[in-house]
Amino acid sequence: MISAANALRGTLFALLLLAAGCTNYRALEFRPAGEPGWPADNPRVRLQSVIELHGRLERNAARLLSRLGGDEATFAFRRPYAVAWDGEDLLVTDPDAGRVARIDQRGRIHLSPERALAHPIGLAVCRSGIVVTDAVEGKVALLDRELRRVRWLAEDLHRPTGVACSGERVFVVETGAHRVLVLTPDGEPQSFGERGTASGDFNFPTSIALDGEALLIGDTLNFRIQRLAANGEALGGFGQLGDSPGEMPRTKGITIDSAGQIWVTDAHLDRVTLYAADGKLLISLGTRGEGLAQFSFPAGVAAHPDGRVAVVDSFNRRLQVFQLVDRGAEGGA
């Protein structure tokens, strides 16, 4: 028989959930973003929107829900890190909260189950499901679309971070081992790279993106982006240490947009830089701060086929979504 106390607890929980959304969803604020003033002679992108990743429950309600066992309803991002598009949804990892979140077009969040992951860092939407790395636990997980763990793809790794997929192959940046691990459905894992400064060597790499059949690797403490074939053959690269536009003292994320431009986030300089496919500097976005097109530890970055690019503004706990400018529609500016 249900006790009166339990019945009351259930009623209060239900009433609070009606105000906050269902247990697995939380509303987010989407606010339109003004134009931050891109250079008139180089209008390649505009800021489309800012997605705030802050909880909206009143503090007392959050405390009560927590006591009643509604931890998911009180969820707020602690340190968002990586981002990926899954259709029109955005997937975001939060290593400090131990969760992966799916954000739909209405601003609702669906969370991975508690304890499914310890410290999720990198993620990629792959043919077989959603692949997530756990840098602290040294594991790579396969999740289904509901963000439930299906199985471990790899374990006992040295700080796996960035991840990308090509067909059935999964490329994992193993930061602590200074290499890239290649996982396939039927076969032993392969790897390439070792610690060093020569082409094809790495020094604490952290990020990866696919460029057709080639790989772009954020070789963080070599202060460069390397372009490699899928077998590890060096194909070129660009970047150097410094604090001027185009230099990259602390690369954290990399993606390629629908126009073939390369986006790189730098967590030390708090900016996002765009490069042409050949590595030529196009434009550097942002300064340190909380305003529009300002950043505090920009980390993950992901491109949508329609020209949108989402950037995780980690310490500001938000996403900034940019849109490529159709220069042809603006008279070829």
Protein backbone atom coordinates (compact mmCIF):
# COMPACT_ATOMS: atom_id res chain seq x y z
CA MET A 1 0.00 0.00 0.00
CA ILE A 2 1.29 3.47 -0.87
CA SER A 3 1.84 5.61 2.19
CA ALA A 4 0.38 9.10 2.47
CA ALA A 5 3.92 10.54 2.47
CA ASN A 6 4.83 8.75 -0.74
CA ALA A 7 1.56 9.81 -2.34
CA LEU A 8 2.23 13.44 -1.45
CA ARG A 9 5.78 13.17 -2.72
CA GLY A 10 4.53 11.80 -6.03
CA THR A 11 1.93 14.54 -6.38
CA LEU A 12 4.46 17.32 -5.72
CA PHE A 13 6.91 15.74 -8.15
CA ALA A 14 4.26 15.55 -10.87
CA LEU A 15 3.17 19.15 -10.35
CA LEU A 16 6.74 20.41 -10.56
CA LEU A 17 7.38 18.40 -13.69
CA LEU A 18 4.35 19.97 -15.33
CA ALA A 19 6.04 23.32 -14.79
CA ALA A 20 9.50 22.18 -15.85
CA GLY A 21 8.70 19.78 -18.68
CA CYS A 22 8.85 15.98 -18.45
CA THR A 23 11.57 14.27 -16.46
CA ASN A 24 14.07 13.98 -19.29
CA TYR A 25 13.50 17.42 -20.83
CA ARG A 26 14.34 20.94 -19.82
CA ALA A 27 13.55 24.13 -21.65
CA LEU A 28 16.45 26.25 -22.87
CA GLU A 29 16.44 29.89 -23.80
CA PHE A 30 16.99 30.71 -27.45
CA ARG A 31 17.62 34.40 -27.98
CA PRO A 32 18.19 36.12 -31.32
CA ALA A 33 21.68 37.41 -31.81
CA GLY A 34 22.53 40.80 -33.24
CA GLU A 35 25.26 41.41 -35.76
CA PRO A 36 28.62 41.70 -33.97
CA GLY A 37 30.11 43.71 -36.84
CA TRP A 38 32.13 41.46 -39.14
CA PRO A 39 34.71 43.21 -41.31
CA ALA A 40 32.93 44.78 -44.29
CA ASP A 41 35.47 43.40 -46.75
CA ASN A 42 35.21 39.81 -45.48
CA PRO A 43 31.61 38.95 -44.48
CA ARG A 44 31.86 35.20 -44.51
CA VAL A 45 29.69 34.43 -41.48
CA ARG A 46 27.11 35.99 -39.18
CA LEU A 47 26.01 35.11 -35.69
CA GLN A 48 22.59 33.48 -35.97
CA SER A 49 21.64 32.61 -32.39
CA VAL A 50 22.88 31.99 -28.87
CA ILE A 51 21.61 28.96 -26.95
CA GLU A 52 21.98 29.44 -23.22
CA LEU A 53 22.72 26.23 -21.34
CA HIS A 54 21.52 27.44 -17.94
CA GLY A 55 18.73 25.87 -15.90
CA ARG A 56 15.52 27.89 -15.50
CA LEU A 57 14.01 26.26 -12.42
CA GLU A 58 13.77 28.37 -9.32
CA ARG A 59 16.35 27.28 -6.74
CA ASN A 60 13.80 26.06 -4.20
CA ALA A 61 11.95 24.01 -6.81
CA ALA A 62 15.24 22.49 -7.97
CA ARG A 63 16.15 21.53 -4.42
CA LEU A 64 12.74 19.95 -3.84
CA LEU A 65 12.89 17.98 -7.09
CA SER A 66 16.36 16.75 -6.17
CA ARG A 67 15.13 15.53 -2.79
CA LEU A 68 12.24 13.77 -4.52
CA GLY A 69 14.54 11.96 -6.90
CA GLY A 70 14.11 14.19 -9.95
CA ASP A 71 17.75 14.81 -10.73
CA GLU A 72 17.20 14.84 -14.48
CA ALA A 73 14.55 17.54 -14.23
CA THR A 74 16.95 19.78 -12.31
CA PHE A 75 19.84 19.23 -14.70
CA ALA A 76 21.86 22.25 -15.76
CA PHE A 77 25.05 22.13 -17.77
CA ARG A 78 28.25 22.41 -15.78
CA ARG A 79 30.94 22.39 -18.46
CA PRO A 80 29.66 21.70 -21.98
CA TYR A 81 32.51 20.53 -24.16
CA ALA A 82 31.88 18.79 -27.50
CA VAL A 83 29.00 19.25 -29.94
CA ALA A 84 27.64 17.38 -32.97
CA TRP A 85 24.61 17.78 -35.21
CA ASP A 86 22.18 14.86 -35.46
CA GLY A 87 19.76 16.06 -38.10
CA GLU A 88 18.26 19.21 -36.60
CA ASP A 89 19.15 18.19 -33.04
CA LEU A 90 22.35 19.18 -31.27
CA LEU A 91 24.25 16.69 -29.12
CA VAL A 92 26.46 18.10 -26.36
CA THR A 93 28.80 16.38 -23.91
CA ASP A 94 29.24 17.58 -20.34
CA PRO A 95 32.17 15.80 -18.66
CA ASP A 96 31.65 17.45 -15.27
CA ALA A 97 28.01 16.35 -15.16
CA GLY A 98 28.78 12.91 -16.64
CA ARG A 99 26.06 13.25 -19.25
CA VAL A 100 25.41 13.60 -22.96
CA ALA A 101 22.44 15.80 -23.88
CA ARG A 102 20.27 15.98 -26.98
CA ILE A 103 18.80 19.45 -27.64
CA ASP A 104 15.85 19.51 -30.04
CA GLN A 105 14.54 22.44 -32.10
CA ARG A 106 12.10 23.42 -29.36
CA GLY A 107 14.93 23.80 -26.86
CA ARG A 108 14.14 20.66 -24.91
CA ILE A 109 16.87 18.43 -23.50
CA HIS A 110 16.94 14.66 -23.40
CA LEU A 111 19.71 13.26 -21.21
CA SER A 112 21.76 10.09 -21.25
CA PRO A 113 20.95 7.83 -18.29
CA GLU A 114 22.84 8.42 -15.07
CA ARG A 115 26.06 6.41 -14.73
CA ALA A 116 26.00 5.38 -18.40
CA LEU A 117 29.15 7.48 -18.82
CA ALA A 118 31.57 8.96 -16.30
CA HIS A 119 33.29 11.85 -18.10
CA PRO A 120 32.11 12.10 -21.75
CA ILE A 121 34.34 14.34 -23.85
CA GLY A 122 34.27 13.84 -27.62
CA LEU A 123 31.36 12.62 -29.70
CA ALA A 124 30.41 11.85 -33.28
CA VAL A 125 27.21 10.76 -35.00
CA CYS A 126 28.14 7.59 -36.87
CA ARG A 127 26.43 4.99 -39.01
CA SER A 128 26.24 2.55 -36.11
CA GLY A 129 25.09 5.10 -33.53
CA ILE A 130 26.55 7.88 -31.41
CA VAL A 131 30.18 7.36 -30.44
CA VAL A 132 31.43 9.06 -27.27
CA THR A 133 34.90 9.13 -25.71
CA ASP A 134 35.58 9.17 -21.97
CA ALA A 135 39.00 10.69 -21.38
CA VAL A 136 39.17 9.93 -17.67
CA GLU A 137 37.98 6.32 -17.86
CA GLY A 138 39.93 5.64 -21.05
CA LYS A 139 36.93 4.23 -22.91
CA VAL A 140 34.94 4.70 -26.11
CA ALA A 141 31.20 4.03 -25.94
CA LEU A 142 28.53 3.40 -28.55
CA LEU A 143 25.17 4.97 -27.68
CA ASP A 144 21.78 4.56 -29.33
CA ARG A 145 19.62 7.53 -30.34
CA GLU A 146 18.08 7.60 -26.87
CA LEU A 147 21.62 8.08 -25.51
CA ARG A 148 21.65 4.70 -23.80
CA ARG A 149 24.96 2.85 -23.82
CA VAL A 150 24.90 -0.09 -26.21
CA ARG A 151 28.45 -1.33 -25.62
CA TRP A 152 32.06 -0.29 -25.18
CA LEU A 153 33.97 -0.05 -28.45
CA ALA A 154 37.38 0.28 -26.76
CA GLU A 155 38.78 0.33 -23.24
CA ASP A 156 42.12 0.86 -21.47
CA LEU A 157 43.06 3.82 -23.65
CA HIS A 158 45.24 6.77 -22.70
CA ARG A 159 42.91 9.79 -22.56
CA PRO A 160 40.78 9.40 -25.71
CA THR A 161 39.29 12.75 -26.79
CA GLY A 162 38.31 13.65 -30.36
CA VAL A 163 36.39 11.18 -32.52
CA ALA A 164 35.17 11.01 -36.12
CA CYS A 165 33.62 8.35 -38.34
CA SER A 166 33.94 7.32 -41.96
CA GLY A 167 31.61 4.50 -42.94
CA GLU A 168 32.16 1.74 -40.38
CA ARG A 169 35.54 3.06 -39.28
CA VAL A 170 35.85 5.11 -36.09
CA PHE A 171 38.89 7.34 -35.67
CA VAL A 172 39.74 8.15 -32.05
CA VAL A 173 42.34 10.70 -30.99
CA GLU A 174 44.24 9.07 -28.13
CA THR A 175 45.73 12.18 -26.58
CA GLY A 176 47.85 10.54 -23.88
CA ALA A 177 49.37 8.09 -26.37
CA HIS A 178 50.01 10.77 -29.06
CA ARG A 179 48.30 8.72 -31.75
CA VAL A 180 45.09 8.07 -33.67
CA LEU A 181 43.32 4.76 -33.09
CA VAL A 182 41.24 3.24 -35.89
CA LEU A 183 38.35 0.98 -34.80
CA THR A 184 36.55 -1.31 -37.25
CA PRO A 185 33.61 -3.69 -36.68
CA ASP A 186 35.61 -6.79 -37.58
CA GLY A 187 39.27 -6.54 -36.85
CA GLU A 188 41.92 -5.54 -34.39
CA PRO A 189 42.28 -1.82 -33.74
CA GLN A 190 44.98 -0.13 -35.76
CA SER A 191 46.82 3.06 -34.95
CA PHE A 192 49.25 5.58 -36.36
CA GLY A 193 51.37 8.35 -34.93
CA GLU A 194 53.80 8.78 -32.05
CA ARG A 195 55.11 11.63 -30.00
CA GLY A 196 57.27 14.00 -31.99
CA THR A 197 57.37 17.11 -34.13
CA ALA A 198 57.85 15.64 -37.60
CA SER A 199 54.98 15.39 -40.07
CA GLY A 200 52.71 12.57 -38.96
CA ASP A 201 53.89 12.80 -35.34
CA PHE A 202 51.79 14.31 -32.57
CA ASN A 203 52.16 16.12 -29.29
CA PHE A 204 48.96 15.76 -27.26
CA PRO A 205 46.48 15.90 -30.15
CA THR A 206 42.88 16.57 -29.09
CA SER A 207 40.54 16.99 -32.06
CA ILE A 208 39.73 15.47 -35.42
CA ALA A 209 37.53 16.14 -38.44
CA LEU A 210 36.97 14.42 -41.76
CA ASP A 211 37.82 16.25 -44.98
CA GLY A 212 36.60 13.88 -47.66
CA GLU A 213 38.84 10.85 -47.32
CA ALA A 214 41.49 12.79 -45.40
CA LEU A 215 41.71 13.54 -41.67
CA LEU A 216 42.37 16.90 -40.07
CA ILE A 217 43.99 16.52 -36.65
CA GLY A 218 44.28 19.26 -34.06
CA ASP A 219 47.88 18.59 -32.99
CA THR A 220 47.48 20.80 -29.95
CA LEU A 221 50.92 21.08 -28.38
CA ASN A 222 52.63 21.12 -31.75
CA PHE A 223 50.42 24.18 -32.37
CA ARG A 224 49.23 23.06 -35.77
CA ILE A 225 46.57 21.30 -37.81
CA GLN A 226 47.79 18.22 -39.68
CA ARG A 227 46.14 16.76 -42.76
CA LEU A 228 46.63 13.00 -42.97
CA ALA A 229 45.43 10.14 -45.13
CA ALA A 230 43.30 7.54 -43.39
CA ASN A 231 46.39 5.35 -43.07
CA GLY A 232 48.37 8.09 -41.31
CA GLU A 233 50.34 9.33 -44.32
CA ALA A 234 51.14 13.02 -43.87
CA LEU A 235 49.54 15.26 -46.50
CA GLY A 236 50.42 18.69 -45.14
CA GLY A 237 49.34 21.07 -42.43
CA PHE A 238 49.39 24.61 -41.13
CA GLY A 239 49.63 26.61 -37.90
CA GLN A 240 52.24 27.75 -35.40
CA LEU A 241 52.62 28.99 -31.84
CA GLY A 242 51.69 32.61 -31.19
CA ASP A 243 48.84 34.92 -30.28
CA SER A 244 48.27 36.65 -33.61
CA PRO A 245 45.33 35.79 -35.90
CA GLY A 246 45.96 32.45 -37.56
CA GLU A 247 48.20 31.14 -34.78
CA MET A 248 46.98 28.43 -32.42
CA PRO A 249 48.43 28.03 -28.95
CA ARG A 250 45.64 25.75 -27.64
CA THR A 251 43.47 24.09 -30.28
CA LYS A 252 40.40 22.33 -28.87
CA GLY A 253 37.96 21.78 -31.73
CA ILE A 254 37.92 21.52 -35.51
CA THR A 255 35.26 21.12 -38.19
CA ILE A 256 34.76 21.71 -41.91
CA ASP A 257 31.74 23.71 -43.05
CA SER A 258 29.59 23.25 -46.14
CA ALA A 259 31.84 25.59 -48.14
CA GLY A 260 34.96 23.59 -47.30
CA GLN A 261 36.30 26.15 -44.82
CA ILE A 262 38.09 24.89 -41.70
CA TRP A 263 36.91 26.17 -38.30
CA VAL A 264 39.33 25.90 -35.37
CA THR A 265 38.61 26.84 -31.75
CA ASP A 266 41.40 28.04 -29.49
CA ALA A 267 40.76 27.87 -25.75
CA HIS A 268 43.78 29.99 -24.79
CA LEU A 269 43.03 32.93 -27.06
CA ASP A 270 39.23 32.53 -26.67
CA ARG A 271 38.55 32.78 -30.37
CA VAL A 272 37.41 30.85 -33.41
CA THR A 273 39.38 31.05 -36.63
CA LEU A 274 38.36 30.17 -40.18
CA TYR A 275 40.83 28.91 -42.74
CA ALA A 276 40.56 28.06 -46.41
CA ALA A 277 41.00 24.43 -47.41
CA ASP A 278 44.70 25.09 -48.07
CA GLY A 279 45.22 26.57 -44.60
CA LYS A 280 45.12 30.25 -45.61
CA LEU A 281 43.75 32.47 -42.85
CA LEU A 282 40.30 33.86 -43.69
CA ILE A 283 38.97 35.50 -40.53
CA SER A 284 39.41 35.30 -36.77
CA LEU A 285 36.28 35.65 -34.64
CA GLY A 286 35.90 36.65 -31.03
CA THR A 287 37.65 37.95 -27.97
CA ARG A 288 37.52 36.92 -24.32
CA GLY A 289 34.20 37.87 -22.72
CA GLU A 290 30.49 37.17 -22.32
CA GLY A 291 29.07 39.30 -25.13
CA LEU A 292 27.97 38.30 -28.62
CA ALA A 293 30.74 36.55 -30.54
CA GLN A 294 32.91 36.60 -27.43
CA PHE A 295 34.09 33.38 -25.82
CA SER A 296 35.38 31.86 -22.63
CA PHE A 297 37.15 28.58 -23.42
CA PRO A 298 35.60 27.73 -26.81
CA ALA A 299 35.83 23.96 -27.22
CA GLY A 300 33.75 21.78 -29.53
CA VAL A 301 32.61 22.98 -32.94
CA ALA A 302 30.33 21.26 -35.48
CA ALA A 303 29.09 22.13 -38.96
CA HIS A 304 25.61 21.46 -40.37
CA PRO A 305 25.16 20.82 -44.12
CA ASP A 306 22.99 23.96 -44.44
CA GLY A 307 25.86 26.27 -43.45
CA ARG A 308 25.23 26.58 -39.71
CA VAL A 309 28.17 26.06 -37.36
CA ALA A 310 27.69 25.51 -33.62
CA VAL A 311 30.48 26.48 -31.22
CA VAL A 312 30.56 25.40 -27.57
CA ASP A 313 31.36 28.46 -25.46
CA SER A 314 32.27 26.26 -22.54
CA PHE A 315 32.86 28.50 -19.53
CA ASN A 316 29.99 30.79 -20.57
CA ARG A 317 27.83 27.63 -20.66
CA ARG A 318 26.23 28.31 -24.01
CA LEU A 319 26.31 27.50 -27.71
CA GLN A 320 26.86 30.20 -30.30
CA VAL A 321 25.47 29.25 -33.71
CA PHE A 322 26.92 30.94 -36.77
CA GLN A 323 25.63 30.94 -40.35
CA LEU A 324 27.68 31.14 -43.52
CA VAL A 325 26.92 34.25 -45.54
CA ASP A 326 25.86 33.66 -49.14
CA ARG A 327 28.25 36.11 -50.70
CA GLY A 328 26.67 35.60 -54.10
CA ALA A 329 23.32 36.77 -52.74
CA GLU A 330 25.02 39.89 -51.37
CA GLY A 331 26.51 40.91 -54.68
CA GLY A 332 29.67 38.87 -54.35
CA ALA A 333 30.92 40.72 -51.29
